[in-house]
Amino acid sequence: MIRVLLIDSHVLVRDGLRRLLEDRGEFAIAGAVADGREAVAFLRRRAADVALVAVNVPEIGVVEGMLRLRRYHPGVGLILLTEHVNFAVPRGWARRVVAGFLSKDAPVDEVAAAIREVAAGRRFVGGDLARRWALDRLDGDAGAAFRELSQRELQVLLLVAQGKSVGEISDRLCLSPKTIHTYRQRLRGKLGVRSEVEMVRLAHHHGMLGDV
């Protein structure tokens, strides 16, 4: 049986996912935790093949949590369950961190298929997300620009959206203030905006942020 670790900050979501997956008889729920930090600690004690990460928006803690999971437990396949169909996932995640992407509206059969594929070492993108991203490429949607952001650029963007100052971002990411200024300027250029207010609004419009 495929061992699945559930990661979500809401107990009700974790319990619901547990029941849906256990009812299929092909998955063993290794455990359920609230965040990436708890997941890393859990995986030191028990094994899992796949981690199902449910998230509303890619907050900085989620980004860091998934990077930490990948660093310390590279054998665990990560599947991201997102609430936003128009969530513009950075390509860096797709290449280096997350193996599967699903929307929270995905039917349980699709969730099961994603778990099987990722457990087998393959990648999986849910049908509604795949359609949306394909349309983005055809339409030249600005969401495509977000998917070109590096992991560090995404971290800076999320911290800017939280209202953090250059000094605070510098301390959080262990980078010089000059480097942070460079990242902010680069973000404005990549996203085609003139100010950070416009940048944050655009990020919110494309499902990158919550209500900021």
N, C-alpha and C. Protein backbone atom coordinates (compact mmCIF):
# COMPACT_ATOMS: atom_id res chain seq x y z
N MET A 1 0.84 -1.20 0.00
CA MET A 1 0.00 0.00 0.00
C MET A 1 0.87 1.26 0.00
N ILE A 2 0.39 2.29 -0.65
CA ILE A 2 1.11 3.55 -0.70
C ILE A 2 0.86 4.31 0.60
N ARG A 3 1.95 4.71 1.26
CA ARG A 3 1.86 5.43 2.53
C ARG A 3 1.76 6.93 2.27
N VAL A 4 0.72 7.56 2.79
CA VAL A 4 0.44 8.97 2.51
C VAL A 4 0.49 9.78 3.80
N LEU A 5 1.21 10.88 3.76
CA LEU A 5 1.22 11.84 4.86
C LEU A 5 0.36 13.03 4.47
N LEU A 6 -0.59 13.42 5.31
CA LEU A 6 -1.49 14.55 5.04
C LEU A 6 -0.97 15.78 5.78
N ILE A 7 -0.89 16.90 5.06
CA ILE A 7 -0.40 18.14 5.65
C ILE A 7 -1.42 19.25 5.38
N ASP A 8 -2.05 19.73 6.44
CA ASP A 8 -3.01 20.84 6.34
C ASP A 8 -3.19 21.44 7.71
N SER A 9 -3.35 22.75 7.77
CA SER A 9 -3.48 23.42 9.07
C SER A 9 -4.84 23.20 9.71
N HIS A 10 -5.82 22.67 8.95
CA HIS A 10 -7.17 22.47 9.48
C HIS A 10 -7.42 20.99 9.76
N VAL A 11 -7.80 20.70 10.99
CA VAL A 11 -8.05 19.31 11.39
C VAL A 11 -9.17 18.70 10.56
N LEU A 12 -10.23 19.47 10.29
CA LEU A 12 -11.36 18.93 9.54
C LEU A 12 -10.95 18.52 8.13
N VAL A 13 -10.07 19.31 7.50
CA VAL A 13 -9.60 18.96 6.16
C VAL A 13 -8.79 17.68 6.22
N ARG A 14 -7.91 17.58 7.20
CA ARG A 14 -7.10 16.37 7.33
C ARG A 14 -7.97 15.14 7.56
N ASP A 15 -8.97 15.28 8.43
CA ASP A 15 -9.86 14.14 8.71
C ASP A 15 -10.66 13.74 7.48
N GLY A 16 -11.10 14.75 6.71
CA GLY A 16 -11.87 14.46 5.50
C GLY A 16 -11.04 13.73 4.47
N LEU A 17 -9.81 14.19 4.27
CA LEU A 17 -8.92 13.52 3.32
C LEU A 17 -8.60 12.10 3.78
N ARG A 18 -8.40 11.94 5.08
CA ARG A 18 -8.10 10.61 5.61
C ARG A 18 -9.23 9.63 5.30
N ARG A 19 -10.47 10.05 5.55
CA ARG A 19 -11.60 9.15 5.31
C ARG A 19 -11.74 8.81 3.83
N LEU A 20 -11.61 9.83 2.98
CA LEU A 20 -11.77 9.60 1.54
C LEU A 20 -10.72 8.62 1.01
N LEU A 21 -9.50 8.77 1.47
CA LEU A 21 -8.43 7.92 0.96
C LEU A 21 -8.46 6.52 1.57
N GLU A 22 -8.75 6.43 2.87
CA GLU A 22 -8.81 5.12 3.51
C GLU A 22 -9.94 4.27 2.94
N ASP A 23 -11.03 4.92 2.55
CA ASP A 23 -12.17 4.18 2.00
C ASP A 23 -11.83 3.46 0.70
N ARG A 24 -10.78 3.90 0.01
CA ARG A 24 -10.42 3.28 -1.26
C ARG A 24 -9.67 1.96 -1.07
N GLY A 25 -9.08 1.77 0.09
CA GLY A 25 -8.42 0.51 0.39
C GLY A 25 -7.06 0.30 -0.25
N GLU A 26 -6.53 1.32 -0.94
CA GLU A 26 -5.22 1.17 -1.58
C GLU A 26 -4.16 2.06 -0.97
N PHE A 27 -4.55 2.88 0.01
CA PHE A 27 -3.62 3.80 0.64
C PHE A 27 -3.60 3.59 2.15
N ALA A 28 -2.42 3.74 2.74
CA ALA A 28 -2.28 3.72 4.19
C ALA A 28 -1.91 5.13 4.63
N ILE A 29 -2.70 5.74 5.50
CA ILE A 29 -2.39 7.08 5.97
C ILE A 29 -1.31 6.98 7.04
N ALA A 30 -0.12 7.41 6.69
CA ALA A 30 1.02 7.32 7.61
C ALA A 30 0.84 8.26 8.79
N GLY A 31 0.19 9.40 8.54
CA GLY A 31 -0.04 10.38 9.60
C GLY A 31 -0.64 11.65 9.03
N ALA A 32 -0.95 12.59 9.92
CA ALA A 32 -1.53 13.87 9.51
C ALA A 32 -0.96 14.96 10.41
N VAL A 33 -0.40 16.01 9.80
CA VAL A 33 0.24 17.08 10.56
C VAL A 33 -0.22 18.43 10.02
N ALA A 34 0.13 19.49 10.76
CA ALA A 34 -0.38 20.82 10.43
C ALA A 34 0.48 21.59 9.43
N ASP A 35 1.80 21.34 9.42
CA ASP A 35 2.65 22.15 8.55
C ASP A 35 3.94 21.40 8.22
N GLY A 36 4.80 22.07 7.43
CA GLY A 36 6.02 21.45 6.97
C GLY A 36 6.98 21.11 8.09
N ARG A 37 7.04 21.96 9.11
CA ARG A 37 7.95 21.70 10.23
C ARG A 37 7.55 20.41 10.95
N GLU A 38 6.24 20.26 11.19
CA GLU A 38 5.76 19.04 11.83
C GLU A 38 6.00 17.83 10.92
N ALA A 39 5.87 18.04 9.61
CA ALA A 39 6.06 16.93 8.67
C ALA A 39 7.49 16.43 8.71
N VAL A 40 8.46 17.35 8.75
CA VAL A 40 9.87 16.94 8.81
C VAL A 40 10.13 16.12 10.07
N ALA A 41 9.60 16.59 11.20
CA ALA A 41 9.78 15.87 12.47
C ALA A 41 9.10 14.50 12.41
N PHE A 42 7.90 14.45 11.82
CA PHE A 42 7.16 13.19 11.73
C PHE A 42 7.94 12.17 10.90
N LEU A 43 8.50 12.62 9.79
CA LEU A 43 9.17 11.70 8.87
C LEU A 43 10.50 11.18 9.42
N ARG A 44 10.98 11.78 10.49
CA ARG A 44 12.14 11.21 11.16
C ARG A 44 11.77 9.93 11.90
N ARG A 45 10.48 9.81 12.25
CA ARG A 45 10.02 8.66 13.04
C ARG A 45 9.31 7.62 12.19
N ARG A 46 8.60 8.06 11.17
CA ARG A 46 7.82 7.15 10.34
C ARG A 46 8.01 7.48 8.87
N ALA A 47 7.85 6.48 8.03
CA ALA A 47 8.08 6.66 6.59
C ALA A 47 6.78 6.98 5.86
N ALA A 48 6.91 7.66 4.74
CA ALA A 48 5.78 7.93 3.85
C ALA A 48 6.31 7.96 2.42
N ASP A 49 5.46 7.58 1.49
CA ASP A 49 5.83 7.61 0.08
C ASP A 49 5.45 8.94 -0.57
N VAL A 50 4.31 9.49 -0.13
CA VAL A 50 3.77 10.71 -0.72
C VAL A 50 3.26 11.62 0.39
N ALA A 51 3.46 12.92 0.23
CA ALA A 51 2.89 13.91 1.16
C ALA A 51 1.90 14.76 0.38
N LEU A 52 0.68 14.81 0.87
CA LEU A 52 -0.38 15.60 0.24
C LEU A 52 -0.50 16.90 1.01
N VAL A 53 -0.10 18.01 0.38
CA VAL A 53 -0.01 19.31 1.04
C VAL A 53 -1.18 20.18 0.59
N ALA A 54 -2.14 20.40 1.47
CA ALA A 54 -3.30 21.24 1.13
C ALA A 54 -3.02 22.67 1.58
N VAL A 55 -3.22 23.62 0.69
CA VAL A 55 -2.89 25.00 0.99
C VAL A 55 -3.82 25.94 0.22
N ASN A 56 -4.21 27.04 0.88
CA ASN A 56 -5.04 28.03 0.20
C ASN A 56 -4.21 28.92 -0.71
N VAL A 57 -3.13 29.46 -0.18
CA VAL A 57 -2.23 30.32 -0.94
C VAL A 57 -0.80 29.98 -0.53
N PRO A 58 0.19 30.25 -1.40
CA PRO A 58 1.57 29.89 -1.08
C PRO A 58 2.23 30.87 -0.12
N GLU A 59 1.82 30.88 1.13
CA GLU A 59 2.43 31.75 2.12
C GLU A 59 3.89 31.36 2.30
N ILE A 60 4.66 32.30 2.85
CA ILE A 60 6.09 32.07 2.96
C ILE A 60 6.39 30.82 3.78
N GLY A 61 5.59 30.52 4.80
CA GLY A 61 5.81 29.33 5.61
C GLY A 61 5.61 28.06 4.82
N VAL A 62 4.66 28.07 3.89
CA VAL A 62 4.40 26.90 3.05
C VAL A 62 5.57 26.68 2.10
N VAL A 63 6.04 27.74 1.48
CA VAL A 63 7.19 27.64 0.58
C VAL A 63 8.38 27.05 1.33
N GLU A 64 8.69 27.62 2.49
CA GLU A 64 9.84 27.15 3.24
C GLU A 64 9.62 25.72 3.73
N GLY A 65 8.37 25.40 4.11
CA GLY A 65 8.07 24.06 4.59
C GLY A 65 8.30 23.00 3.53
N MET A 66 7.87 23.28 2.30
CA MET A 66 8.06 22.31 1.22
C MET A 66 9.52 22.19 0.82
N LEU A 67 10.25 23.31 0.85
CA LEU A 67 11.68 23.24 0.58
C LEU A 67 12.39 22.41 1.64
N ARG A 68 11.98 22.57 2.88
CA ARG A 68 12.58 21.81 3.98
C ARG A 68 12.28 20.32 3.82
N LEU A 69 11.05 19.99 3.46
CA LEU A 69 10.69 18.60 3.23
C LEU A 69 11.54 17.98 2.12
N ARG A 70 11.67 18.71 1.03
CA ARG A 70 12.44 18.19 -0.09
C ARG A 70 13.90 18.00 0.29
N ARG A 71 14.43 18.93 1.11
CA ARG A 71 15.84 18.85 1.48
C ARG A 71 16.12 17.66 2.40
N TYR A 72 15.27 17.46 3.40
CA TYR A 72 15.53 16.42 4.40
C TYR A 72 14.92 15.07 4.05
N HIS A 73 13.90 15.05 3.21
CA HIS A 73 13.24 13.79 2.86
C HIS A 73 12.99 13.76 1.34
N PRO A 74 14.06 13.71 0.55
CA PRO A 74 13.91 13.79 -0.92
C PRO A 74 13.15 12.62 -1.52
N GLY A 75 13.01 11.52 -0.80
CA GLY A 75 12.30 10.36 -1.34
C GLY A 75 10.80 10.45 -1.25
N VAL A 76 10.28 11.47 -0.56
CA VAL A 76 8.83 11.64 -0.41
C VAL A 76 8.32 12.53 -1.54
N GLY A 77 7.38 12.02 -2.34
CA GLY A 77 6.80 12.82 -3.42
C GLY A 77 5.79 13.82 -2.88
N LEU A 78 5.90 15.07 -3.29
CA LEU A 78 5.01 16.13 -2.79
C LEU A 78 3.91 16.43 -3.80
N ILE A 79 2.67 16.45 -3.33
CA ILE A 79 1.52 16.84 -4.15
C ILE A 79 0.88 18.06 -3.49
N LEU A 80 0.74 19.13 -4.25
CA LEU A 80 0.15 20.36 -3.74
C LEU A 80 -1.32 20.43 -4.11
N LEU A 81 -2.18 20.56 -3.11
CA LEU A 81 -3.61 20.77 -3.31
C LEU A 81 -3.90 22.24 -3.09
N THR A 82 -4.29 22.97 -4.13
CA THR A 82 -4.52 24.40 -4.00
C THR A 82 -5.98 24.74 -4.22
N GLU A 83 -6.42 25.81 -3.58
CA GLU A 83 -7.81 26.25 -3.68
C GLU A 83 -8.05 27.06 -4.94
N HIS A 84 -6.97 27.60 -5.52
CA HIS A 84 -7.11 28.51 -6.66
C HIS A 84 -6.79 27.82 -7.97
N VAL A 85 -7.77 27.67 -8.84
CA VAL A 85 -7.52 27.08 -10.16
C VAL A 85 -6.59 27.98 -10.97
N ASN A 86 -6.64 29.30 -10.72
CA ASN A 86 -5.78 30.21 -11.46
C ASN A 86 -4.48 30.49 -10.73
N PHE A 87 -4.12 29.63 -9.79
CA PHE A 87 -2.88 29.76 -9.05
C PHE A 87 -1.69 29.61 -10.00
N ALA A 88 -0.89 30.66 -10.15
CA ALA A 88 0.24 30.65 -11.08
C ALA A 88 1.46 30.04 -10.40
N VAL A 89 1.60 28.73 -10.50
CA VAL A 89 2.67 28.02 -9.81
C VAL A 89 4.02 28.30 -10.46
N PRO A 90 5.02 28.73 -9.70
CA PRO A 90 6.34 28.96 -10.28
C PRO A 90 6.92 27.68 -10.86
N ARG A 91 7.59 27.80 -12.01
CA ARG A 91 8.17 26.61 -12.65
C ARG A 91 9.23 25.97 -11.77
N GLY A 92 9.87 26.77 -10.91
CA GLY A 92 10.88 26.22 -10.02
C GLY A 92 10.32 25.14 -9.12
N TRP A 93 9.10 25.33 -8.65
CA TRP A 93 8.46 24.29 -7.84
C TRP A 93 8.25 23.04 -8.67
N ALA A 94 7.73 23.23 -9.87
CA ALA A 94 7.44 22.07 -10.72
C ALA A 94 8.70 21.28 -11.03
N ARG A 95 9.82 21.98 -11.21
CA ARG A 95 11.06 21.29 -11.56
C ARG A 95 11.74 20.67 -10.36
N ARG A 96 11.77 21.38 -9.22
CA ARG A 96 12.65 20.95 -8.14
C ARG A 96 11.94 20.47 -6.88
N VAL A 97 10.70 20.86 -6.67
CA VAL A 97 10.11 20.60 -5.35
C VAL A 97 8.84 19.76 -5.43
N VAL A 98 7.83 20.25 -6.14
CA VAL A 98 6.52 19.60 -6.12
C VAL A 98 6.36 18.71 -7.35
N ALA A 99 5.91 17.47 -7.11
CA ALA A 99 5.74 16.51 -8.21
C ALA A 99 4.31 16.50 -8.75
N GLY A 100 3.34 16.89 -7.94
CA GLY A 100 1.94 16.84 -8.37
C GLY A 100 1.19 18.10 -7.97
N PHE A 101 0.26 18.52 -8.84
CA PHE A 101 -0.56 19.70 -8.57
C PHE A 101 -2.03 19.35 -8.79
N LEU A 102 -2.86 19.66 -7.80
CA LEU A 102 -4.30 19.43 -7.89
C LEU A 102 -5.04 20.62 -7.32
N SER A 103 -6.24 20.88 -7.82
CA SER A 103 -7.09 21.86 -7.16
C SER A 103 -7.90 21.13 -6.09
N LYS A 104 -8.38 21.88 -5.11
CA LYS A 104 -9.16 21.27 -4.03
C LYS A 104 -10.54 20.80 -4.52
N ASP A 105 -10.90 21.17 -5.72
CA ASP A 105 -12.15 20.69 -6.31
C ASP A 105 -11.96 19.37 -7.05
N ALA A 106 -10.75 18.85 -7.05
CA ALA A 106 -10.48 17.61 -7.79
C ALA A 106 -11.29 16.45 -7.21
N PRO A 107 -11.87 15.60 -8.05
CA PRO A 107 -12.59 14.42 -7.55
C PRO A 107 -11.61 13.45 -6.90
N VAL A 108 -12.12 12.63 -6.01
CA VAL A 108 -11.25 11.72 -5.27
C VAL A 108 -10.52 10.76 -6.20
N ASP A 109 -11.13 10.38 -7.33
CA ASP A 109 -10.45 9.50 -8.29
C ASP A 109 -9.18 10.16 -8.83
N GLU A 110 -9.26 11.48 -9.06
CA GLU A 110 -8.10 12.19 -9.58
C GLU A 110 -7.02 12.31 -8.51
N VAL A 111 -7.44 12.54 -7.26
CA VAL A 111 -6.48 12.59 -6.15
C VAL A 111 -5.76 11.25 -6.04
N ALA A 112 -6.53 10.16 -6.12
CA ALA A 112 -5.95 8.82 -6.04
C ALA A 112 -4.97 8.59 -7.19
N ALA A 113 -5.35 9.03 -8.39
CA ALA A 113 -4.47 8.86 -9.55
C ALA A 113 -3.17 9.63 -9.36
N ALA A 114 -3.27 10.84 -8.81
CA ALA A 114 -2.08 11.66 -8.57
C ALA A 114 -1.15 10.97 -7.57
N ILE A 115 -1.71 10.42 -6.51
CA ILE A 115 -0.89 9.73 -5.51
C ILE A 115 -0.17 8.55 -6.13
N ARG A 116 -0.88 7.77 -6.94
CA ARG A 116 -0.25 6.61 -7.58
C ARG A 116 0.88 7.04 -8.51
N GLU A 117 0.64 8.08 -9.31
CA GLU A 117 1.65 8.53 -10.26
C GLU A 117 2.89 9.06 -9.55
N VAL A 118 2.68 9.91 -8.55
CA VAL A 118 3.81 10.51 -7.83
C VAL A 118 4.58 9.45 -7.04
N ALA A 119 3.86 8.49 -6.45
CA ALA A 119 4.52 7.40 -5.72
C ALA A 119 5.40 6.58 -6.66
N ALA A 120 5.02 6.53 -7.93
CA ALA A 120 5.79 5.78 -8.93
C ALA A 120 6.93 6.60 -9.53
N GLY A 121 7.10 7.83 -9.04
CA GLY A 121 8.20 8.66 -9.52
C GLY A 121 7.86 9.52 -10.71
N ARG A 122 6.56 9.61 -11.05
CA ARG A 122 6.15 10.43 -12.18
C ARG A 122 5.47 11.72 -11.68
N ARG A 123 5.23 12.63 -12.61
CA ARG A 123 4.58 13.90 -12.27
C ARG A 123 3.11 13.85 -12.66
N PHE A 124 2.31 14.71 -12.01
CA PHE A 124 0.87 14.71 -12.28
C PHE A 124 0.33 16.13 -12.10
N VAL A 125 -0.48 16.57 -13.07
CA VAL A 125 -1.18 17.86 -12.96
C VAL A 125 -2.66 17.59 -13.19
N GLY A 126 -3.50 18.04 -12.27
CA GLY A 126 -4.93 17.84 -12.37
C GLY A 126 -5.51 18.47 -13.63
N GLY A 127 -6.62 17.91 -14.10
CA GLY A 127 -7.21 18.34 -15.36
C GLY A 127 -7.57 19.81 -15.40
N ASP A 128 -8.20 20.33 -14.32
CA ASP A 128 -8.62 21.73 -14.36
C ASP A 128 -7.42 22.67 -14.33
N LEU A 129 -6.38 22.31 -13.56
CA LEU A 129 -5.18 23.14 -13.55
C LEU A 129 -4.47 23.09 -14.89
N ALA A 130 -4.38 21.90 -15.48
CA ALA A 130 -3.71 21.75 -16.77
C ALA A 130 -4.39 22.60 -17.83
N ARG A 131 -5.73 22.59 -17.82
CA ARG A 131 -6.47 23.40 -18.80
C ARG A 131 -6.20 24.88 -18.59
N ARG A 132 -6.22 25.29 -17.33
CA ARG A 132 -6.01 26.70 -17.02
C ARG A 132 -4.62 27.16 -17.47
N TRP A 133 -3.61 26.36 -17.15
CA TRP A 133 -2.25 26.75 -17.50
C TRP A 133 -2.04 26.74 -19.01
N ALA A 134 -2.68 25.82 -19.70
CA ALA A 134 -2.59 25.79 -21.16
C ALA A 134 -3.21 27.06 -21.74
N LEU A 135 -4.35 27.47 -21.21
CA LEU A 135 -5.00 28.70 -21.67
C LEU A 135 -4.14 29.91 -21.37
N ASP A 136 -3.47 29.91 -20.21
CA ASP A 136 -2.57 31.02 -19.88
C ASP A 136 -1.50 31.17 -20.95
N ARG A 137 -0.93 30.03 -21.38
CA ARG A 137 0.13 30.11 -22.39
C ARG A 137 -0.42 30.62 -23.72
N LEU A 138 -1.62 30.16 -24.08
CA LEU A 138 -2.21 30.60 -25.34
C LEU A 138 -2.57 32.07 -25.31
N ASP A 139 -3.08 32.52 -24.16
CA ASP A 139 -3.56 33.90 -24.05
C ASP A 139 -2.46 34.89 -23.69
N GLY A 140 -1.27 34.39 -23.39
CA GLY A 140 -0.22 35.30 -22.95
C GLY A 140 -0.54 35.90 -21.61
N ASP A 141 -1.26 35.19 -20.76
CA ASP A 141 -1.69 35.69 -19.46
C ASP A 141 -0.48 36.09 -18.62
N ALA A 142 -0.63 37.14 -17.82
CA ALA A 142 0.45 37.58 -16.94
C ALA A 142 0.80 36.50 -15.93
N GLY A 143 -0.12 35.55 -15.71
CA GLY A 143 0.18 34.46 -14.78
C GLY A 143 1.41 33.69 -15.20
N ALA A 144 1.68 33.64 -16.50
CA ALA A 144 2.86 32.93 -16.99
C ALA A 144 4.13 33.56 -16.44
N ALA A 145 4.12 34.88 -16.23
CA ALA A 145 5.30 35.55 -15.69
C ALA A 145 5.61 35.07 -14.28
N PHE A 146 4.57 34.81 -13.49
CA PHE A 146 4.79 34.32 -12.12
C PHE A 146 5.45 32.95 -12.14
N ARG A 147 5.12 32.13 -13.12
CA ARG A 147 5.70 30.80 -13.17
C ARG A 147 7.17 30.83 -13.55
N GLU A 148 7.64 31.98 -14.06
CA GLU A 148 9.05 32.10 -14.41
C GLU A 148 9.89 32.61 -13.22
N LEU A 149 9.25 32.95 -12.12
CA LEU A 149 10.00 33.45 -10.97
C LEU A 149 10.84 32.33 -10.35
N SER A 150 12.02 32.70 -9.88
CA SER A 150 12.85 31.75 -9.15
C SER A 150 12.26 31.57 -7.74
N GLN A 151 12.75 30.55 -7.06
CA GLN A 151 12.27 30.32 -5.69
C GLN A 151 12.56 31.52 -4.81
N ARG A 152 13.75 32.11 -4.93
CA ARG A 152 14.10 33.26 -4.11
C ARG A 152 13.23 34.46 -4.45
N GLU A 153 12.96 34.68 -5.74
CA GLU A 153 12.09 35.79 -6.13
C GLU A 153 10.69 35.61 -5.55
N LEU A 154 10.20 34.38 -5.53
CA LEU A 154 8.89 34.12 -4.95
C LEU A 154 8.89 34.43 -3.46
N GLN A 155 9.94 34.05 -2.76
CA GLN A 155 10.03 34.33 -1.33
C GLN A 155 10.01 35.83 -1.08
N VAL A 156 10.78 36.58 -1.87
CA VAL A 156 10.80 38.04 -1.71
C VAL A 156 9.41 38.62 -1.98
N LEU A 157 8.76 38.16 -3.04
CA LEU A 157 7.42 38.65 -3.37
C LEU A 157 6.45 38.43 -2.22
N LEU A 158 6.45 37.24 -1.65
CA LEU A 158 5.52 36.94 -0.55
C LEU A 158 5.79 37.80 0.67
N LEU A 159 7.05 38.06 0.96
CA LEU A 159 7.40 38.90 2.12
C LEU A 159 7.04 40.37 1.86
N VAL A 160 7.24 40.82 0.63
CA VAL A 160 6.81 42.19 0.27
C VAL A 160 5.30 42.31 0.46
N ALA A 161 4.56 41.30 0.03
CA ALA A 161 3.11 41.31 0.14
C ALA A 161 2.65 41.34 1.59
N GLN A 162 3.48 40.80 2.49
CA GLN A 162 3.16 40.82 3.91
C GLN A 162 3.52 42.14 4.57
N GLY A 163 4.05 43.08 3.77
CA GLY A 163 4.38 44.40 4.30
C GLY A 163 5.73 44.47 4.99
N LYS A 164 6.59 43.48 4.74
CA LYS A 164 7.90 43.47 5.38
C LYS A 164 8.81 44.52 4.74
N SER A 165 9.63 45.16 5.57
CA SER A 165 10.59 46.14 5.08
C SER A 165 11.80 45.44 4.47
N VAL A 166 12.64 46.23 3.80
CA VAL A 166 13.86 45.67 3.22
C VAL A 166 14.71 45.02 4.30
N GLY A 167 14.83 45.70 5.44
CA GLY A 167 15.62 45.15 6.54
C GLY A 167 15.06 43.84 7.07
N GLU A 168 13.74 43.77 7.20
CA GLU A 168 13.11 42.54 7.70
C GLU A 168 13.28 41.39 6.72
N ILE A 169 13.13 41.69 5.42
CA ILE A 169 13.31 40.64 4.41
C ILE A 169 14.77 40.19 4.39
N SER A 170 15.68 41.15 4.52
CA SER A 170 17.10 40.84 4.55
C SER A 170 17.43 39.88 5.69
N ASP A 171 16.89 40.17 6.88
CA ASP A 171 17.14 39.31 8.04
C ASP A 171 16.51 37.93 7.85
N ARG A 172 15.30 37.91 7.30
CA ARG A 172 14.58 36.63 7.14
C ARG A 172 15.29 35.71 6.16
N LEU A 173 15.79 36.26 5.07
CA LEU A 173 16.40 35.44 4.01
C LEU A 173 17.92 35.40 4.08
N CYS A 174 18.50 36.09 5.09
CA CYS A 174 19.97 36.11 5.26
C CYS A 174 20.67 36.63 4.01
N LEU A 175 20.12 37.73 3.47
CA LEU A 175 20.71 38.38 2.31
C LEU A 175 20.94 39.85 2.65
N SER A 176 21.83 40.52 1.93
CA SER A 176 22.10 41.92 2.19
C SER A 176 20.92 42.78 1.72
N PRO A 177 20.73 43.95 2.34
CA PRO A 177 19.67 44.86 1.88
C PRO A 177 19.83 45.23 0.40
N LYS A 178 21.07 45.37 -0.07
CA LYS A 178 21.30 45.70 -1.47
C LYS A 178 20.77 44.59 -2.37
N THR A 179 20.97 43.34 -1.96
CA THR A 179 20.47 42.21 -2.74
C THR A 179 18.95 42.20 -2.77
N ILE A 180 18.33 42.53 -1.64
CA ILE A 180 16.86 42.58 -1.58
C ILE A 180 16.34 43.66 -2.52
N HIS A 181 16.99 44.82 -2.53
CA HIS A 181 16.59 45.89 -3.47
C HIS A 181 16.68 45.38 -4.91
N THR A 182 17.73 44.64 -5.21
CA THR A 182 17.90 44.10 -6.57
C THR A 182 16.77 43.15 -6.91
N TYR A 183 16.41 42.28 -5.98
CA TYR A 183 15.31 41.34 -6.21
C TYR A 183 14.01 42.08 -6.44
N ARG A 184 13.74 43.12 -5.66
CA ARG A 184 12.49 43.86 -5.82
C ARG A 184 12.43 44.54 -7.18
N GLN A 185 13.54 45.10 -7.60
CA GLN A 185 13.59 45.74 -8.92
C GLN A 185 13.40 44.70 -10.02
N ARG A 186 14.02 43.53 -9.85
CA ARG A 186 13.90 42.47 -10.84
C ARG A 186 12.45 41.97 -10.93
N LEU A 187 11.78 41.86 -9.79
CA LEU A 187 10.38 41.42 -9.77
C LEU A 187 9.50 42.39 -10.54
N ARG A 188 9.70 43.69 -10.33
CA ARG A 188 8.89 44.68 -11.05
C ARG A 188 9.10 44.54 -12.55
N GLY A 189 10.34 44.31 -12.95
CA GLY A 189 10.63 44.16 -14.37
C GLY A 189 10.02 42.91 -14.97
N LYS A 190 10.15 41.80 -14.27
CA LYS A 190 9.61 40.53 -14.78
C LYS A 190 8.09 40.57 -14.89
N LEU A 191 7.44 41.26 -13.95
CA LEU A 191 5.98 41.28 -13.93
C LEU A 191 5.41 42.46 -14.70
N GLY A 192 6.28 43.35 -15.18
CA GLY A 192 5.83 44.46 -16.00
C GLY A 192 5.01 45.49 -15.25
N VAL A 193 5.40 45.77 -14.00
CA VAL A 193 4.67 46.76 -13.19
C VAL A 193 5.64 47.87 -12.77
N ARG A 194 5.06 49.01 -12.39
CA ARG A 194 5.90 50.16 -12.04
C ARG A 194 6.13 50.30 -10.54
N SER A 195 5.27 49.68 -9.74
CA SER A 195 5.40 49.83 -8.29
C SER A 195 5.12 48.51 -7.60
N GLU A 196 5.50 48.44 -6.34
CA GLU A 196 5.25 47.21 -5.59
C GLU A 196 3.77 47.06 -5.24
N VAL A 197 3.05 48.17 -5.17
CA VAL A 197 1.60 48.08 -4.96
C VAL A 197 0.96 47.36 -6.14
N GLU A 198 1.34 47.75 -7.36
CA GLU A 198 0.82 47.07 -8.56
C GLU A 198 1.25 45.61 -8.58
N MET A 199 2.47 45.35 -8.15
CA MET A 199 2.99 43.98 -8.14
C MET A 199 2.16 43.09 -7.22
N VAL A 200 1.85 43.59 -6.04
CA VAL A 200 1.07 42.81 -5.07
C VAL A 200 -0.36 42.61 -5.57
N ARG A 201 -0.93 43.65 -6.16
CA ARG A 201 -2.29 43.51 -6.72
C ARG A 201 -2.33 42.46 -7.81
N LEU A 202 -1.34 42.47 -8.68
CA LEU A 202 -1.28 41.50 -9.77
C LEU A 202 -1.12 40.08 -9.21
N ALA A 203 -0.28 39.94 -8.20
CA ALA A 203 -0.07 38.63 -7.59
C ALA A 203 -1.35 38.12 -6.95
N HIS A 204 -2.09 39.00 -6.33
CA HIS A 204 -3.37 38.61 -5.72
C HIS A 204 -4.36 38.19 -6.79
N HIS A 205 -4.40 38.91 -7.89
CA HIS A 205 -5.33 38.62 -8.98
C HIS A 205 -5.08 37.22 -9.55
N HIS A 206 -3.84 36.79 -9.56
CA HIS A 206 -3.50 35.49 -10.14
C HIS A 206 -3.38 34.39 -9.10
N GLY A 207 -3.98 34.61 -7.93
CA GLY A 207 -4.06 33.55 -6.95
C GLY A 207 -2.78 33.27 -6.20
N MET A 208 -1.80 34.19 -6.28
CA MET A 208 -0.55 33.97 -5.58
C MET A 208 -0.64 34.35 -4.11
N LEU A 209 -1.62 35.17 -3.75
CA LEU A 209 -1.69 35.70 -2.40
C LEU A 209 -3.12 35.59 -1.88
N GLY A 210 -3.23 35.72 -0.58
CA GLY A 210 -4.55 35.79 0.03
C GLY A 210 -5.00 37.24 0.06
N ASP A 211 -5.83 37.60 1.01
CA ASP A 211 -6.30 38.99 1.12
C ASP A 211 -5.24 39.83 1.81
N VAL A 212 -4.43 40.54 1.02
CA VAL A 212 -3.35 41.32 1.58
C VAL A 212 -3.69 42.80 1.47
